[in-house]
C-alpha cells in the first residue's frame, strides 16, 4: 500500500466508504443511504474570518438563541467528496478544529481537482492512485 504524502493523488476508498450494493464492503452506509447511492462522502473545512464576518451581516446572526445568548457563527462548512473524482493531498497528516470542540486528529487535507475546493477528511477513507 502506497503512503499518503503531500502531492499524492487520491480518491475515496470505495471499500471503506460505501455499502456492498454500491461496490464497497460496508453493510450499512457510512453517512446515509442517500449519500451512499450517489457516491458522496461528507468532509469539512473551517470557516475563514471573512466568511464569519459576512455571516454577522446576515439575518441569521441577529437576535438571541433559545438560551438567551448571542448567536455564534458557523465554525465549519460541509464539503461533498465524490466517488469518481480525483483529489490532490495538500497535507498528509493534520488535525483541524471543525467545530467548537477539540481539534480532530487523523485527517488529510485535500484539494478537489474538479472544483478547486479544499476539504479535510479522515485518512483511512482515501486511497492513493498515483504520485505527483
C-alpha atoms as a PDB file:
ATOM      1  CA  UNK A   1       0.000   0.000   0.000  1.00  0.00           C
ATOM      2  CA  UNK A   2       1.381   3.404  -1.007  1.00  0.00           C
ATOM      3  CA  UNK A   3       1.843   6.071   1.649  1.00  0.00           C
ATOM      4  CA  UNK A   4      -0.174   9.244   1.587  1.00  0.00           C
ATOM      5  CA  UNK A   5       2.103  12.261   1.317  1.00  0.00           C
ATOM      6  CA  UNK A   6       1.912  15.824   0.066  1.00  0.00           C
ATOM      7  CA  UNK A   7       1.254  15.990  -3.674  1.00  0.00           C
ATOM      8  CA  UNK A   8      -0.127  12.438  -3.871  1.00  0.00           C
ATOM      9  CA  UNK A   9      -3.274  11.881  -5.922  1.00  0.00           C
ATOM     10  CA  UNK A  10      -6.032  10.049  -4.064  1.00  0.00           C
ATOM     11  CA  UNK A  11      -9.683   9.062  -4.394  1.00  0.00           C
ATOM     12  CA  UNK A  12     -12.305   7.819  -1.984  1.00  0.00           C
ATOM     13  CA  UNK A  13     -11.682   4.217  -0.954  1.00  0.00           C
ATOM     14  CA  UNK A  14     -14.927   2.525  -2.024  1.00  0.00           C
ATOM     15  CA  UNK A  15     -14.299  -0.455   0.282  1.00  0.00           C
ATOM     16  CA  UNK A  16     -14.496   1.655   3.455  1.00  0.00           C
ATOM     17  CA  UNK A  17     -16.843   4.404   2.206  1.00  0.00           C
ATOM     18  CA  UNK A  18     -19.697   2.560   0.506  1.00  0.00           C
ATOM     19  CA  UNK A  19     -22.031  -0.386   1.012  1.00  0.00           C
ATOM     20  CA  UNK A  20     -21.894  -3.706  -0.819  1.00  0.00           C
ATOM     21  CA  UNK A  21     -24.747  -2.561  -3.099  1.00  0.00           C
ATOM     22  CA  UNK A  22     -22.553   0.332  -4.255  1.00  0.00           C
ATOM     23  CA  UNK A  23     -19.383  -1.714  -4.752  1.00  0.00           C
ATOM     24  CA  UNK A  24     -17.920  -1.329  -1.266  1.00  0.00           C
ATOM     25  CA  UNK A  25     -17.622  -3.614   1.736  1.00  0.00           C
ATOM     26  CA  UNK A  26     -19.870  -1.908   4.289  1.00  0.00           C
ATOM     27  CA  UNK A  27     -23.077  -3.498   5.490  1.00  0.00           C
ATOM     28  CA  UNK A  28     -24.548  -0.111   6.456  1.00  0.00           C
ATOM     29  CA  UNK A  29     -23.818   3.284   4.862  1.00  0.00           C
ATOM     30  CA  UNK A  30     -21.052   5.485   6.222  1.00  0.00           C
ATOM     31  CA  UNK A  31     -23.327   8.548   6.316  1.00  0.00           C
ATOM     32  CA  UNK A  32     -26.790   7.660   4.978  1.00  0.00           C
ATOM     33  CA  UNK A  33     -28.364   5.793   2.066  1.00  0.00           C
ATOM     34  CA  UNK A  34     -28.901   8.973   0.041  1.00  0.00           C
ATOM     35  CA  UNK A  35     -25.158   9.757   0.009  1.00  0.00           C
ATOM     36  CA  UNK A  36     -24.238   6.093  -0.418  1.00  0.00           C
ATOM     37  CA  UNK A  37     -26.356   5.722  -3.567  1.00  0.00           C
ATOM     38  CA  UNK A  38     -24.893   8.900  -5.078  1.00  0.00           C
ATOM     39  CA  UNK A  39     -21.267   8.120  -4.189  1.00  0.00           C
ATOM     40  CA  UNK A  40     -20.867  11.042  -1.783  1.00  0.00           C
ATOM     41  CA  UNK A  41     -18.850  11.301   1.435  1.00  0.00           C
ATOM     42  CA  UNK A  42     -19.099  14.383   3.628  1.00  0.00           C
ATOM     43  CA  UNK A  43     -15.897  16.208   4.528  1.00  0.00           C
ATOM     44  CA  UNK A  44     -15.432  19.580   6.164  1.00  0.00           C
ATOM     45  CA  UNK A  45     -13.357  22.715   6.265  1.00  0.00           C
ATOM     46  CA  UNK A  46     -13.107  25.502   8.838  1.00  0.00           C
ATOM     47  CA  UNK A  47     -14.697  28.835   8.039  1.00  0.00           C
ATOM     48  CA  UNK A  48     -12.458  31.773   7.273  1.00  0.00           C
ATOM     49  CA  UNK A  49     -12.553  35.020   9.223  1.00  0.00           C
ATOM     50  CA  UNK A  50     -14.028  36.723   6.145  1.00  0.00           C
ATOM     51  CA  UNK A  51     -16.870  34.164   5.959  1.00  0.00           C
ATOM     52  CA  UNK A  52     -17.620  34.713   9.636  1.00  0.00           C
ATOM     53  CA  UNK A  53     -17.674  38.499   9.144  1.00  0.00           C
ATOM     54  CA  UNK A  54     -20.135  38.093   6.248  1.00  0.00           C
ATOM     55  CA  UNK A  55     -22.303  35.814   8.430  1.00  0.00           C
ATOM     56  CA  UNK A  56     -22.549  38.549  11.101  1.00  0.00           C
ATOM     57  CA  UNK A  57     -24.158  40.807   8.469  1.00  0.00           C
ATOM     58  CA  UNK A  58     -26.985  38.325   7.724  1.00  0.00           C
ATOM     59  CA  UNK A  59     -30.376  37.973   9.410  1.00  0.00           C
ATOM     60  CA  UNK A  60     -29.297  34.620  10.861  1.00  0.00           C
ATOM     61  CA  UNK A  61     -26.874  36.433  13.185  1.00  0.00           C
ATOM     62  CA  UNK A  62     -29.446  38.806  14.628  1.00  0.00           C
ATOM     63  CA  UNK A  63     -31.205  38.307  17.927  1.00  0.00           C
ATOM     64  CA  UNK A  64     -30.650  35.678  20.579  1.00  0.00           C
ATOM     65  CA  UNK A  65     -30.689  31.896  20.561  1.00  0.00           C
ATOM     66  CA  UNK A  66     -33.081  29.717  22.600  1.00  0.00           C
ATOM     67  CA  UNK A  67     -30.838  30.063  25.685  1.00  0.00           C
ATOM     68  CA  UNK A  68     -30.929  33.872  25.502  1.00  0.00           C
ATOM     69  CA  UNK A  69     -27.335  34.169  24.331  1.00  0.00           C
ATOM     70  CA  UNK A  70     -25.976  35.889  21.238  1.00  0.00           C
ATOM     71  CA  UNK A  71     -25.719  33.722  18.156  1.00  0.00           C
ATOM     72  CA  UNK A  72     -22.309  32.426  17.095  1.00  0.00           C
ATOM     73  CA  UNK A  73     -21.126  31.975  13.506  1.00  0.00           C
ATOM     74  CA  UNK A  74     -20.631  28.534  11.975  1.00  0.00           C
ATOM     75  CA  UNK A  75     -17.152  27.146  12.619  1.00  0.00           C
ATOM     76  CA  UNK A  76     -17.036  24.815   9.615  1.00  0.00           C
ATOM     77  CA  UNK A  77     -18.685  24.129   6.283  1.00  0.00           C
ATOM     78  CA  UNK A  78     -19.645  20.808   4.746  1.00  0.00           C
ATOM     79  CA  UNK A  79     -17.804  19.770   1.582  1.00  0.00           C
ATOM     80  CA  UNK A  80     -19.052  16.857  -0.503  1.00  0.00           C
ATOM     81  CA  UNK A  81     -16.464  14.486  -1.934  1.00  0.00           C
ATOM     82  CA  UNK A  82     -17.453  12.194  -4.811  1.00  0.00           C
ATOM     83  CA  UNK A  83     -16.526   8.603  -5.587  1.00  0.00           C
ATOM     84  CA  UNK A  84     -15.365   9.224  -9.164  1.00  0.00           C
ATOM     85  CA  UNK A  85     -13.244  12.335  -8.545  1.00  0.00           C
ATOM     86  CA  UNK A  86      -9.509  12.677  -8.009  1.00  0.00           C
ATOM     87  CA  UNK A  87      -8.098  14.750  -5.152  1.00  0.00           C
ATOM     88  CA  UNK A  88      -4.598  16.059  -4.505  1.00  0.00           C
ATOM     89  CA  UNK A  89      -3.166  15.838  -0.990  1.00  0.00           C
ATOM     90  CA  UNK A  90      -2.179  19.248   0.389  1.00  0.00           C
ATOM     91  CA  UNK A  91      -1.318  17.983   3.891  1.00  0.00           C
ATOM     92  CA  UNK A  92      -0.946  14.276   4.607  1.00  0.00           C
ATOM     93  CA  UNK A  93      -1.155  14.347   8.411  1.00  0.00           C
ATOM     94  CA  UNK A  94      -3.065  17.061  10.173  1.00  0.00           C
ATOM     95  CA  UNK A  95      -5.603  17.871  12.813  1.00  0.00           C
ATOM     96  CA  UNK A  96      -8.115  20.666  12.485  1.00  0.00           C
ATOM     97  CA  UNK A  97     -10.930  22.114  14.546  1.00  0.00           C
ATOM     98  CA  UNK A  98     -14.194  21.668  12.645  1.00  0.00           C
ATOM     99  CA  UNK A  99     -16.489  22.879  15.397  1.00  0.00           C
ATOM    100  CA  UNK A 100     -16.478  24.263  18.909  1.00  0.00           C
ATOM    101  CA  UNK A 101     -14.706  21.255  20.450  1.00  0.00           C
ATOM    102  CA  UNK A 102     -11.153  19.999  20.257  1.00  0.00           C
ATOM    103  CA  UNK A 103      -9.249  19.537  17.016  1.00  0.00           C
ATOM    104  CA  UNK A 104      -9.918  16.246  15.210  1.00  0.00           C
ATOM    105  CA  UNK A 105      -6.733  14.207  14.609  1.00  0.00           C
ATOM    106  CA  UNK A 106      -6.017  11.730  11.797  1.00  0.00           C
ATOM    107  CA  UNK A 107      -7.114  13.909   8.893  1.00  0.00           C
ATOM    108  CA  UNK A 108      -5.780  14.631   5.448  1.00  0.00           C
ATOM    109  CA  UNK A 109      -6.270  17.959   3.642  1.00  0.00           C
ATOM    110  CA  UNK A 110      -7.400  17.507   0.052  1.00  0.00           C
ATOM    111  CA  UNK A 111      -7.759  19.750  -2.972  1.00  0.00           C
ATOM    112  CA  UNK A 112     -10.538  18.795  -5.371  1.00  0.00           C
ATOM    113  CA  UNK A 113      -9.102  18.811  -8.895  1.00  0.00           C
ATOM    114  CA  UNK A 114     -12.626  19.379 -10.248  1.00  0.00           C
ATOM    115  CA  UNK A 115     -13.820  22.362  -8.163  1.00  0.00           C
ATOM    116  CA  UNK A 116     -10.629  23.703  -6.553  1.00  0.00           C
ATOM    117  CA  UNK A 117     -12.195  23.439  -3.097  1.00  0.00           C
ATOM    118  CA  UNK A 118     -10.179  22.260  -0.091  1.00  0.00           C
ATOM    119  CA  UNK A 119     -11.508  19.789   2.482  1.00  0.00           C
ATOM    120  CA  UNK A 120     -10.431  17.705   5.459  1.00  0.00           C
ATOM    121  CA  UNK A 121     -11.333  14.005   5.722  1.00  0.00           C
ATOM    122  CA  UNK A 122     -10.111  11.019   7.718  1.00  0.00           C
ATOM    123  CA  UNK A 123      -7.017   9.428   6.163  1.00  0.00           C
ATOM    124  CA  UNK A 124      -8.464   5.912   6.172  1.00  0.00           C
ATOM    125  CA  UNK A 125     -11.276   6.986   3.822  1.00  0.00           C
ATOM    126  CA  UNK A 126      -8.950   7.695   0.879  1.00  0.00           C
ATOM    127  CA  UNK A 127      -6.594   5.553  -1.186  1.00  0.00           C
ATOM    128  CA  UNK A 128      -3.546   6.511  -3.249  1.00  0.00           C
ATOM    129  CA  UNK A 129      -3.912   6.321  -7.031  1.00  0.00           C
ATOM    130  CA  UNK A 130      -0.682   7.980  -8.147  1.00  0.00           C
ATOM    131  CA  UNK A 131       2.092  10.362  -7.218  1.00  0.00           C
ATOM    132  CA  UNK A 132       2.690  13.875  -8.479  1.00  0.00           C
END
